[in-house]
């Protein structure tokens, strides 16, 4: 791996690790927030499936939770996803832009 690519790979690895941790914690929050509500998750794995789906898609066909906390969590999950994708895209665009202009000199 080139020296120039290392920071971008480190950024990607850090974002993957942070997203995984965020997903695990968000599932616990969703599970706790939905207890006693109409759309209560049956298990932690149901909640984890929902949070992971929300992170991977901006809008899914899954039934949305009904608690205010889960609604807020849904918004945070979607903002996190958009931020991660744009950060990674911008990082790699900067890498390739720099590489292209360095080769032209």
Protein backbone atom coordinates (compact mmCIF):
# COMPACT_ATOMS: atom_id res chain seq x y z
CA UNK A 1 0.00 0.00 0.00
CA UNK A 2 1.31 3.43 -0.87
CA UNK A 3 2.17 5.90 1.87
CA UNK A 4 -0.41 8.33 0.46
CA UNK A 5 -3.22 5.77 0.78
CA UNK A 6 -2.51 4.89 4.44
CA UNK A 7 -4.47 7.79 6.02
CA UNK A 8 -7.49 7.01 3.85
CA UNK A 9 -7.40 3.31 4.75
CA UNK A 10 -7.03 4.21 8.45
CA UNK A 11 -10.02 6.55 8.17
CA UNK A 12 -12.09 3.83 6.54
CA UNK A 13 -11.10 1.29 9.21
CA UNK A 14 -11.92 3.76 12.01
CA UNK A 15 -15.32 4.54 10.49
CA UNK A 16 -16.16 0.85 10.08
CA UNK A 17 -15.22 0.17 13.72
CA UNK A 18 -17.14 3.22 14.97
CA UNK A 19 -20.18 2.29 12.90
CA UNK A 20 -20.16 -1.27 14.23
CA UNK A 21 -19.97 -0.01 17.83
CA UNK A 22 -22.65 2.61 17.15
CA UNK A 23 -24.93 -0.06 15.65
CA UNK A 24 -24.56 -2.36 18.67
CA UNK A 25 -25.30 0.45 21.14
CA UNK A 26 -28.16 1.85 19.04
CA UNK A 27 -29.83 -1.57 19.01
CA UNK A 28 -29.83 -1.63 22.84
CA UNK A 29 -31.28 1.89 22.91
CA UNK A 30 -33.98 0.94 20.39
CA UNK A 31 -34.85 -2.21 22.32
CA UNK A 32 -35.17 -0.30 25.61
CA UNK A 33 -37.08 2.59 24.01
CA UNK A 34 -39.66 0.34 22.37
CA UNK A 35 -40.55 -1.77 25.42
CA UNK A 36 -44.25 -1.45 26.00
CA UNK A 37 -44.93 0.23 22.66
CA UNK A 38 -46.99 -1.13 19.80
CA UNK A 39 -43.91 -1.93 17.72
CA UNK A 40 -41.85 -3.53 20.48
CA UNK A 41 -38.89 -5.50 19.20
CA UNK A 42 -39.14 -9.15 20.21
CA UNK A 43 -35.42 -9.61 20.86
CA UNK A 44 -32.14 -7.72 20.78
CA UNK A 45 -31.48 -9.33 17.39
CA UNK A 46 -34.70 -7.82 16.01
CA UNK A 47 -33.57 -4.40 17.21
CA UNK A 48 -30.07 -4.96 15.79
CA UNK A 49 -31.59 -5.96 12.45
CA UNK A 50 -33.63 -2.75 12.43
CA UNK A 51 -30.68 -0.49 13.33
CA UNK A 52 -28.41 -2.19 10.79
CA UNK A 53 -31.04 -1.82 8.09
CA UNK A 54 -31.44 1.86 8.95
CA UNK A 55 -27.68 2.33 8.68
CA UNK A 56 -27.52 0.57 5.31
CA UNK A 57 -30.54 2.22 3.70
CA UNK A 58 -31.98 5.69 4.07
CA UNK A 59 -35.46 4.24 3.91
CA UNK A 60 -36.44 0.63 4.38
CA UNK A 61 -39.66 -1.31 4.14
CA UNK A 62 -39.49 -2.26 7.82
CA UNK A 63 -42.16 -0.98 10.17
CA UNK A 64 -40.83 2.02 12.05
CA UNK A 65 -40.83 2.09 15.85
CA UNK A 66 -43.40 4.24 17.62
CA UNK A 67 -41.56 5.78 20.59
CA UNK A 68 -40.17 9.28 20.38
CA UNK A 69 -36.72 8.06 21.41
CA UNK A 70 -36.69 5.51 18.59
CA UNK A 71 -37.81 8.17 16.10
CA UNK A 72 -34.91 10.35 17.19
CA UNK A 73 -32.57 7.36 17.02
CA UNK A 74 -33.77 6.66 13.48
CA UNK A 75 -32.83 10.20 12.43
CA UNK A 76 -29.41 9.91 14.10
CA UNK A 77 -28.78 6.55 12.38
CA UNK A 78 -29.60 8.01 8.99
CA UNK A 79 -27.48 11.12 9.58
CA UNK A 80 -24.60 8.90 10.69
CA UNK A 81 -24.87 6.84 7.50
CA UNK A 82 -24.94 9.87 5.24
CA UNK A 83 -21.98 11.39 7.10
CA UNK A 84 -19.90 8.22 6.86
CA UNK A 85 -20.56 7.77 3.15
CA UNK A 86 -19.76 11.39 2.31
CA UNK A 87 -16.64 11.36 4.49
CA UNK A 88 -15.28 8.23 2.82
CA UNK A 89 -16.19 9.51 -0.65
CA UNK A 90 -14.55 12.87 0.02
CA UNK A 91 -11.43 11.26 1.45
CA UNK A 92 -10.92 9.00 -1.55
CA UNK A 93 -11.79 11.80 -3.99
CA UNK A 94 -9.10 13.95 -2.39
CA UNK A 95 -6.63 11.06 -2.62
CA UNK A 96 -7.27 10.48 -6.32
CA UNK A 97 -7.37 14.21 -7.09
CA UNK A 98 -4.00 14.71 -5.40
CA UNK A 99 -2.58 11.64 -7.11
CA UNK A 100 -3.76 12.79 -10.54
CA UNK A 101 -2.34 16.28 -10.12
CA UNK A 102 0.93 14.99 -8.68
CA UNK A 103 1.42 12.70 -11.70
CA UNK A 104 0.83 15.59 -14.11
CA UNK A 105 3.79 17.56 -12.73
